[in-house]
Protein backbone atom coordinates (compact mmCIF):
# COMPACT_ATOMS: atom_id res chain seq x y z
CA MET A 1 101.74 105.41 74.70
CA ASP A 2 100.59 102.13 76.09
CA PRO A 3 102.04 100.70 79.32
CA CYS A 4 104.46 97.80 79.29
CA PRO A 5 103.13 94.33 80.15
CA PHE A 6 104.20 92.90 83.50
CA VAL A 7 103.03 89.85 85.44
CA ARG A 8 103.10 89.20 89.18
CA VAL A 9 103.29 85.61 90.39
CA LEU A 10 101.92 85.53 93.94
CA VAL A 11 102.29 82.73 96.49
CA GLY A 12 100.40 82.74 99.77
CA ASN A 13 97.84 81.12 102.08
CA LEU A 14 100.59 78.95 103.54
CA SER A 15 99.87 76.36 106.24
CA LEU A 16 101.59 73.13 107.21
CA LYS A 17 100.36 69.87 108.73
CA ILE A 18 103.00 67.58 110.25
CA PRO A 19 101.92 64.13 111.50
CA GLY A 20 102.54 63.60 115.19
CA ALA A 21 104.69 60.55 114.47
CA ALA A 22 107.23 62.59 112.53
CA ARG A 23 110.77 62.89 113.86
CA PRO A 24 111.66 65.86 116.08
CA ALA A 25 112.86 69.00 114.35
CA GLY A 26 115.77 69.26 116.77
CA ALA A 27 117.05 67.93 120.05
CA GLY A 28 114.09 67.72 122.39
CA VAL A 29 111.88 69.82 120.13
CA HIS A 30 108.72 68.37 118.65
CA PRO A 31 107.88 69.60 115.14
CA SER A 32 104.40 70.64 116.19
CA THR A 33 105.92 73.41 118.31
CA ALA A 34 109.03 74.19 116.27
CA PRO A 35 109.04 77.13 113.87
CA CYS A 36 108.74 76.24 110.21
CA TYR A 37 109.65 78.18 107.12
CA CYS A 38 110.01 77.69 103.39
CA LYS A 39 112.17 78.96 100.55
CA ILE A 40 110.27 79.82 97.38
CA ARG A 41 111.87 80.27 93.99
CA LEU A 42 110.57 80.88 90.47
CA ASN A 43 113.00 79.54 87.88
CA ASN A 44 116.34 81.26 88.43
CA LEU A 45 115.02 84.31 90.26
CA PRO A 46 116.34 84.87 93.80
CA TYR A 47 114.48 82.76 96.36
CA GLN A 48 112.20 84.35 98.94
CA THR A 49 111.74 83.07 102.49
CA ALA A 50 108.46 82.96 104.43
CA VAL A 51 107.23 81.57 107.74
CA VAL A 52 104.78 78.66 107.45
CA PRO A 53 102.10 78.49 110.18
CA LEU A 54 101.38 75.05 111.63
CA VAL A 55 97.88 73.59 111.94
CA GLN A 56 96.72 70.55 113.86
CA PRO A 57 97.02 67.31 111.86
CA GLY A 58 93.53 66.28 112.93
CA SER A 59 91.85 69.37 111.47
CA ASP A 60 89.77 69.17 108.31
CA ASN A 61 91.07 70.04 104.87
CA ALA A 62 89.34 73.41 104.69
CA PRO A 63 91.54 76.29 103.50
CA PRO A 64 93.47 77.93 106.36
CA GLN A 65 92.39 81.17 107.93
CA THR A 66 95.84 82.63 107.40
CA VAL A 67 95.75 84.37 104.03
CA ALA A 68 98.97 86.35 104.04
CA LEU A 69 101.16 86.75 101.00
CA ALA A 70 104.38 84.73 101.24
CA ALA A 71 106.22 85.63 98.02
CA ALA A 72 105.79 87.84 94.97
CA PHE A 73 107.75 87.61 91.74
CA HIS A 74 107.57 90.45 89.21
CA LEU A 75 108.12 89.52 85.58
CA SER A 76 108.61 91.91 82.68
CA LYS A 77 107.91 90.97 79.09
CA ALA A 78 111.60 90.15 78.67
CA ASP A 79 111.39 87.83 81.70
CA LEU A 80 108.31 86.13 80.27
CA ASP A 81 109.98 85.74 76.89
CA ARG A 82 112.92 84.01 78.53
CA ILE A 83 110.59 81.65 80.37
CA VAL A 84 107.96 80.84 77.74
CA GLY A 85 109.55 82.12 74.54
CA LYS A 86 112.30 81.10 72.20
CA SER A 87 114.71 80.13 74.95
CA SER A 88 112.73 76.95 75.66
CA ILE A 89 111.54 76.09 72.16
CA PHE A 90 114.10 73.29 71.74
CA SER A 91 113.13 71.57 74.98
CA GLY A 92 109.43 71.69 74.12
CA ASP A 93 108.67 72.81 77.68
CA ARG A 94 107.40 76.35 78.06
CA SER A 95 106.35 76.13 81.69
CA ALA A 96 107.89 78.09 84.50
CA ARG A 97 108.85 76.15 87.61
CA LEU A 98 107.86 77.24 91.10
CA LYS A 99 110.04 75.44 93.64
CA VAL A 100 109.19 75.31 97.33
CA ALA A 101 111.49 73.82 99.99
CA ILE A 102 109.95 73.41 103.47
CA TYR A 103 112.08 73.38 106.63
CA THR A 104 111.45 72.78 110.32
CA GLY A 105 113.59 74.56 112.86
CA ARG A 106 114.80 78.12 113.04
CA ARG A 107 116.03 80.12 110.08
CA GLY A 108 119.69 81.05 109.83
CA THR A 109 122.98 79.20 109.94
CA THR A 110 125.11 77.60 112.62
CA CYS A 111 128.81 77.01 111.91
CA GLY A 112 128.11 77.60 108.25
CA MET A 113 125.36 74.98 108.12
CA SER A 114 121.64 75.65 107.76
CA SER A 115 119.86 75.54 111.11
CA GLY A 116 116.61 74.18 109.67
CA ARG A 117 115.91 70.56 108.77
CA LEU A 118 114.55 69.97 105.28
CA LEU A 119 111.09 68.47 105.51
CA GLY A 120 110.41 68.19 101.81
CA LYS A 121 110.38 69.87 98.42
CA LEU A 122 107.78 70.38 95.73
CA THR A 123 107.77 71.77 92.22
CA LEU A 124 104.75 73.26 90.47
CA PRO A 125 104.74 73.92 86.69
CA LEU A 126 103.20 77.27 85.77
CA ASP A 127 101.98 77.95 82.25
CA LEU A 128 102.48 81.72 82.05
CA LYS A 129 101.56 82.04 78.41
CA GLY A 130 98.80 84.62 78.25
CA ALA A 131 99.31 85.63 81.90
CA GLY A 132 99.82 89.23 80.79
CA GLU A 133 96.19 89.47 79.67
CA LYS A 134 94.26 87.35 82.15
CA ALA A 135 94.64 86.38 85.79
CA ALA A 136 95.10 82.68 86.48
CA VAL A 137 95.09 80.50 89.61
CA PHE A 138 97.54 77.61 89.23
CA HIS A 139 96.97 75.93 92.58
CA ASN A 140 94.85 76.37 95.68
CA GLY A 141 94.92 73.48 98.13
CA TRP A 142 96.98 70.91 100.02
CA ILE A 143 100.02 69.07 98.64
CA PRO A 144 101.86 66.15 100.33
CA VAL A 145 105.53 66.86 101.08
CA GLY A 146 108.27 64.70 102.52
CA LYS A 147 108.14 61.02 103.33
CA SER A 148 105.22 59.29 105.01
CA SER A 149 105.80 58.15 108.58
CA LYS A 150 105.39 54.47 109.45
CA GLY A 151 101.70 53.72 109.61
CA GLY A 152 100.93 57.38 109.07
CA SER A 153 100.60 59.98 106.36
CA ALA A 154 102.98 62.48 104.85
CA SER A 155 103.16 66.08 105.89
CA GLN A 156 101.02 68.46 103.87
CA ILE A 157 101.42 72.09 102.87
CA HIS A 158 98.60 74.36 101.76
CA LEU A 159 99.36 77.15 99.31
CA THR A 160 97.73 79.34 96.70
CA VAL A 161 99.63 80.24 93.54
CA ARG A 162 98.31 82.70 91.01
CA ALA A 163 99.48 85.12 88.32
CA ASP A 164 98.06 88.61 87.83
CA PRO A 165 98.51 91.01 84.91
CA ASP A 166 100.29 94.08 86.29
CA PRO A 167 100.92 96.59 83.45
CA ARG A 168 103.31 99.43 84.25
CA PHE A 169 104.50 102.67 82.76
CA VAL A 170 108.28 102.66 82.40
CA PHE A 171 110.38 105.83 82.36
CA GLU A 172 114.11 106.32 81.95
CA PHE A 173 116.39 109.29 82.70
CA ASP A 174 118.88 109.90 79.90
CA SER A 175 121.57 110.97 82.40
CA ASP A 176 122.13 111.64 86.10
CA PRO A 177 119.36 113.67 87.80
CA GLU A 178 121.87 116.38 88.76
CA CYS A 179 122.61 116.90 85.05
CA SER A 180 119.07 118.16 84.33
CA PRO A 181 118.19 115.25 82.05
CA GLN A 182 115.31 114.41 79.77
CA VAL A 183 113.00 111.59 80.84
CA PHE A 184 111.73 109.10 78.26
CA GLN A 185 108.80 106.74 78.39
CA LEU A 186 109.68 103.24 77.21
CA GLN A 187 107.36 100.83 75.44
CA GLY A 188 109.02 97.91 73.74
CA ASN A 189 111.69 99.34 71.45
CA MET A 190 110.13 102.82 71.48
CA ARG A 191 111.51 105.75 73.52
CA GLN A 192 109.37 108.86 73.67
CA PRO A 193 110.40 112.03 75.59
CA VAL A 194 107.77 112.98 78.16
CA PHE A 195 109.51 115.16 80.78
CA THR A 196 112.52 117.37 81.31
CA CYS A 197 114.22 117.88 84.67
CA LYS A 198 115.94 120.97 86.05
CA PHE A 199 118.38 120.47 88.93
CA SER A 200 119.41 123.47 91.01
CA CYS A 201 121.38 124.35 94.15
CA ARG A 202 120.12 127.38 96.01
CA ASN A 203 122.46 129.52 98.05
CA PRO A 204 122.55 128.31 101.69
CA SER A 205 121.60 131.79 102.90
CA ASP A 206 118.61 131.98 100.54
CA ARG A 207 115.51 129.96 101.33
CA HIS A 208 113.92 130.70 97.97
CA LEU A 209 114.34 128.29 95.09
CA GLN A 210 116.55 129.72 92.35
CA SER A 211 115.50 127.32 89.62
CA ARG A 212 114.73 129.28 86.47
CA SER A 213 112.01 126.73 85.73
CA LEU A 214 109.78 128.34 88.36
CA GLN A 215 109.04 131.92 87.37
CA SER A 216 107.20 132.50 90.62
CA GLU A 217 106.75 130.47 93.75
CA PRO A 218 103.55 130.91 95.76
CA SER A 219 103.96 131.82 99.41
CA SER A 220 102.28 128.63 100.60
CA SER A 221 104.97 126.62 98.82
CA ARG A 222 107.72 128.60 100.55
CA ASN A 223 106.01 128.03 103.89
CA TRP A 224 106.19 124.27 103.35
CA LEU A 225 109.88 124.41 102.47
CA VAL A 226 110.78 126.71 105.36
CA SER A 227 108.76 124.87 108.00
CA PHE A 228 110.29 121.51 107.16
CA GLY A 229 113.88 122.75 107.09
CA SER A 230 114.15 125.60 109.56
CA ASP A 231 115.10 123.55 112.62
CA ARG A 232 118.17 122.04 111.00
CA GLU A 233 119.80 124.89 109.09
CA ARG A 234 123.20 125.04 110.73
CA SER A 235 126.83 125.59 109.92
CA GLY A 236 129.36 122.81 109.60
CA LYS A 237 129.28 119.70 107.49
CA GLU A 238 126.02 119.73 105.61
CA ARG A 239 124.49 119.36 102.19
CA LYS A 240 121.39 121.39 101.47
CA GLY A 241 119.57 123.50 98.97
CA TRP A 242 119.19 120.85 96.27
CA SER A 243 116.01 120.66 94.25
CA ILE A 244 114.85 119.11 91.01
CA THR A 245 111.81 120.28 89.07
CA VAL A 246 110.04 118.06 86.55
CA HIS A 247 108.47 119.80 83.53
CA ASP A 248 106.18 118.48 80.86
CA LEU A 249 107.04 119.01 77.19
CA SER A 250 105.25 122.37 77.17
CA GLY A 251 107.64 123.62 79.86
CA SER A 252 105.08 123.68 82.69
CA PRO A 253 106.36 122.40 86.07
CA VAL A 254 104.43 119.26 87.05
CA ALA A 255 106.40 117.98 90.08
CA LEU A 256 109.10 119.15 92.45
CA ALA A 257 111.53 117.42 94.81
CA SER A 258 113.15 119.80 97.27
CA MET A 259 115.69 119.04 100.00
CA VAL A 260 113.88 120.54 102.97
CA THR A 261 116.00 119.09 105.79
CA PRO A 262 119.78 119.35 105.27
CA PHE A 263 121.91 116.22 105.21
CA VAL A 264 124.18 116.90 108.19
CA ALA A 265 127.06 114.84 109.55
CA SER A 266 126.43 113.62 113.10
CA PRO A 267 128.74 115.13 115.74
CA GLY A 268 132.16 113.51 115.68
CA THR A 269 131.47 111.59 112.46
CA ASP A 270 131.47 112.11 108.71
CA ARG A 271 128.13 110.45 108.07
CA VAL A 272 124.40 111.21 108.11
CA SER A 273 122.90 109.08 110.87
CA ARG A 274 119.52 107.36 111.10
CA SER A 275 118.69 109.44 114.17
CA ASN A 276 119.30 112.67 112.24
CA PRO A 277 118.30 112.01 108.61
CA GLY A 278 118.05 114.45 105.76
CA ALA A 279 114.70 114.81 104.01
CA TRP A 280 113.06 115.70 100.73
CA LEU A 281 109.57 117.02 100.16
CA ILE A 282 107.84 115.86 96.97
CA LEU A 283 105.27 118.39 95.75
CA ARG A 284 102.65 118.49 93.02
CA PRO A 285 100.93 121.53 91.48
CA GLY A 286 97.39 122.25 92.57
CA ASP A 287 95.12 125.26 93.03
CA ALA A 288 97.77 127.65 91.67
CA THR A 289 100.30 126.49 94.29
CA TRP A 290 102.48 123.54 95.19
CA GLN A 291 100.79 120.83 97.26
CA PRO A 292 102.78 118.36 99.42
CA TRP A 293 102.48 114.75 98.27
CA GLY A 294 105.23 112.79 100.02
CA ARG A 295 108.26 113.02 102.25
CA LEU A 296 111.48 111.03 101.80
CA GLU A 297 114.03 110.64 104.59
CA ALA A 298 117.47 109.17 103.96
CA TRP A 299 120.56 108.38 106.03
CA ARG A 300 123.76 106.36 105.99
CA GLU A 301 123.59 102.89 107.53
CA ARG A 302 126.83 101.58 108.98
CA GLY A 303 127.67 98.08 107.75
CA GLY A 304 128.34 95.39 110.36
CA GLY A 305 131.39 93.14 110.10
CA ALA A 306 132.23 92.55 106.45
CA ALA A 307 128.95 94.13 105.33
CA ALA A 308 129.21 97.33 103.31
CA ASP A 309 127.53 100.59 104.27
CA GLY A 310 124.03 101.22 103.00
CA LEU A 311 121.60 103.99 102.16
CA GLY A 312 118.66 103.79 104.54
CA TYR A 313 115.41 105.42 103.52
CA ARG A 314 111.82 105.94 104.61
CA PHE A 315 109.02 107.31 102.42
CA GLU A 316 105.68 108.51 103.68
CA LEU A 317 102.62 109.86 101.91
CA LEU A 318 101.15 113.11 103.17
CA PRO A 319 97.40 113.78 103.33
CA GLU A 320 96.03 116.48 101.09
CA THR A 321 94.97 118.52 104.10
CA ALA A 322 98.33 118.13 105.86
CA SER A 323 99.79 120.95 107.88
CA ALA A 324 103.47 121.62 108.46
CA MET A 325 103.35 119.63 111.73
CA CYS A 326 101.42 116.70 110.28
CA SER A 327 103.11 113.36 109.84
CA GLY A 328 102.19 111.08 106.98
CA VAL A 329 101.80 107.34 106.59
CA SER A 330 105.01 105.41 106.01
CA ILE A 331 104.67 103.05 103.05
CA ALA A 332 108.30 102.18 102.27
CA GLU A 333 111.38 101.68 104.44
CA SER A 334 114.49 99.71 103.58
CA THR A 335 118.23 99.88 102.85
CA LEU A 336 120.17 99.94 99.57
CA SER A 337 123.83 98.98 99.21
CA ALA A 338 125.92 102.16 99.09
CA SER A 339 128.50 100.54 96.82
CA LYS A 340 126.28 98.45 94.52
CA GLY A 341 123.00 100.35 94.66
CA GLY A 342 119.75 98.46 94.20
CA LYS A 343 116.07 99.15 93.62
CA PHE A 344 113.91 101.57 95.56
CA THR A 345 110.46 99.96 95.72
CA ILE A 346 106.99 100.80 96.98
CA ASP A 347 105.03 97.55 96.88
CA LEU A 348 101.90 97.20 99.01
CA THR A 349 100.90 93.79 97.67
CA SER A 350 101.63 92.03 100.96
CA THR A 351 99.28 94.27 102.96
CA GLN A 352 96.12 92.59 101.71
CA PRO A 353 95.02 88.93 101.89
CA LEU A 354 95.91 86.97 98.80
CA GLY A 355 92.41 85.76 98.16
CA ARG A 356 90.52 89.04 98.62
CA THR A 357 90.97 90.46 95.13
CA PHE A 358 93.09 90.14 92.05
CA SER A 359 94.21 93.75 92.51
CA PRO A 360 95.44 93.74 96.11
CA GLY A 361 94.61 96.80 98.17
CA CYS A 362 96.58 98.04 101.09
CA SER A 363 96.62 99.24 104.64
CA PRO A 364 99.99 99.98 106.22
CA ARG A 365 98.84 98.62 109.56
CA GLY A 366 97.19 95.53 108.16
CA SER A 367 93.87 96.08 109.94
CA GLY A 368 91.02 93.62 109.63
CA ASP A 369 89.16 95.64 107.03
CA PHE A 370 92.43 96.61 105.33
CA GLY A 371 91.55 100.26 105.46
CA TYR A 372 88.77 100.34 102.87
CA GLY A 373 87.29 103.82 103.15
CA LEU A 374 89.29 104.48 106.32
CA TRP A 375 92.92 104.85 105.34
CA PRO A 376 93.37 108.16 103.54
CA PHE A 377 95.66 106.59 100.93
CA SER A 378 93.66 103.46 100.14
CA SER A 379 93.93 104.25 96.43
CA TYR A 380 97.56 103.12 96.60
CA ARG A 381 97.49 99.35 96.34
CA GLY A 382 99.47 96.46 94.96
CA PHE A 383 102.71 97.35 93.22
CA VAL A 384 103.10 101.13 93.26
CA MET A 385 106.53 101.95 91.85
CA SER A 386 110.20 101.03 91.68
CA SER A 387 113.33 102.88 90.63
CA THR A 388 116.86 101.70 90.00
CA VAL A 389 119.59 103.33 92.10
CA ASP A 390 123.28 102.99 91.25
CA GLY A 391 125.99 102.90 93.87
CA GLU A 392 127.71 106.05 95.05
CA GLY A 393 130.20 107.62 92.67
CA LYS A 394 128.64 105.92 89.65
CA CYS A 395 126.87 107.59 86.76
CA SER A 396 123.20 106.74 86.99
CA ARG A 397 120.26 106.71 84.60
CA PRO A 398 117.35 105.69 86.82
CA THR A 399 114.66 103.49 85.31
CA VAL A 400 111.26 104.04 86.93
CA GLU A 401 108.32 101.62 86.84
CA VAL A 402 104.88 102.82 87.97
CA GLY A 403 101.76 100.67 88.28
CA VAL A 404 99.27 101.75 85.62
CA GLN A 405 96.46 102.09 88.19
CA HIS A 406 98.41 104.90 89.88
CA VAL A 407 98.75 107.12 86.80
CA THR A 408 95.72 109.06 85.62
CA CYS A 409 97.51 112.21 84.43
CA ALA A 410 100.98 113.59 83.70
CA GLU A 411 101.26 114.99 87.24
CA ASP A 412 100.83 111.50 88.70
CA ALA A 413 103.73 110.11 86.69
CA ALA A 414 105.85 113.22 87.30
CA ALA A 415 105.54 112.84 91.08
CA PHE A 416 107.05 109.36 90.90
CA VAL A 417 109.79 110.63 88.58
CA ALA A 418 110.62 113.37 91.09
CA LEU A 419 110.68 110.80 93.90
CA SER A 420 113.04 108.65 91.84
CA ALA A 421 115.38 111.62 91.36
CA ALA A 422 115.28 112.34 95.10
CA ILE A 423 116.27 108.80 96.13
CA ASP A 424 119.05 108.78 93.54
CA LEU A 425 120.38 112.14 94.75
CA SER A 426 120.16 110.87 98.34
CA MET A 427 122.94 108.41 97.51
CA ASP A 428 125.19 111.44 96.95
CA ALA A 429 123.75 113.44 99.84
CA CYS A 430 124.57 110.56 102.22
CA ARG A 431 128.07 110.06 100.85
CA LEU A 432 130.67 110.22 103.62
CA PHE A 433 131.68 113.84 104.20
CA SER A 434 135.34 112.81 103.91
CA HIS A 435 134.60 112.25 100.19
CA LYS A 436 134.04 115.04 97.70
CA LEU A 437 130.94 115.22 95.55
CA ARG A 438 130.74 115.65 91.79
CA LYS A 439 131.08 119.21 90.55
CA GLU A 440 127.38 119.30 89.51
CA LEU A 441 126.46 118.91 93.20
CA SER A 442 129.06 121.32 94.60
CA HIS A 443 128.04 124.75 93.38
CA SER A 444 128.13 126.16 96.90
CA ASP A 445 131.27 126.86 98.88
CA SER A 446 129.75 125.12 101.91
CA MET A 447 129.22 121.85 100.07
CA ARG A 448 131.75 119.05 100.07
């Protein structure tokens, strides 16, 4: 099946010129030394905030040297239809609206009021019709913002705005991962089965996987599982032994997610802490054995004040020649709401300058050459994948999006599906130990 059309609207190359005669940004603070930031919004999508570097007003109008990405908006075909389709046919205006509000002063609020002072706003119309087939640059240059000072000129902001086609494969579980679901590929109104999943809980005293989907498990695979989990097998409050195997339609296993480090409550608490996270190993078949591909760590973040608890996570890719003691390269780390869930995302768009290429590459450390030929995972670039995650205690049917450039075979897609299952199951694994789990996750007497 063909991938689904998606479009990324990227905003970057931000710089700001403020005339010296402009008013101070705050008491005793001149705007030339005050921090500046902007809020960027595309139609009704949530706004994104970015720092705006200042340049000297007397400098020429050449494009700034700073070429970092400031905001990225991801639009599905349904999003595009709402923007340029029938929803706007009566108004006669099929353009999206990019709105940018520029502020001087520090971000945040004081006594419920915004700490920054609004310098000016601008709106750019974006004609996204056809953006799913061809990249387009809508603006690249300086724009006046705010009011002109007496005898002087207005402030100016430099920005680049462009849209890139970003087709993705979309997959959907037909039930919770722990219910051994089928996985469908979506394309428009079509749903085609592509994978089946087998969830299993192995006995805590048995280090061998008991999933019937694996008739035999090579010794090298067992070594990986044992070496990653041996230092944390302990009695007490813990959840361990979970695994989920992804099979293609012929029944062959094509990916595996295995809980290799138990999810253990920290001493004196009923929660998995950031300092002592549980972990999954994501494996792919290769050379008649399982090969490590990635490692996912998860823990329970304690909410501050009125904030709710969250699921913290970190995902790292492992080199093909990794040993049991080798650490990978972290490419995703964030927190999801434990009650509401959210979206697990691997997006490396921001790790490459906006103007370098229409298919941004990546380097986790943002080095000058952006890791071309140096970083062992340079093939992962731009948007990589995302997966929906429901809040704890809720039935979930994860939807997985994978950038088309990252899928060359069924095993590629299956690895991301297995990762999606692992992050979804982590919501249950990090559930407070004072709460009981669903019966599908509690086959062992030692599980809560």
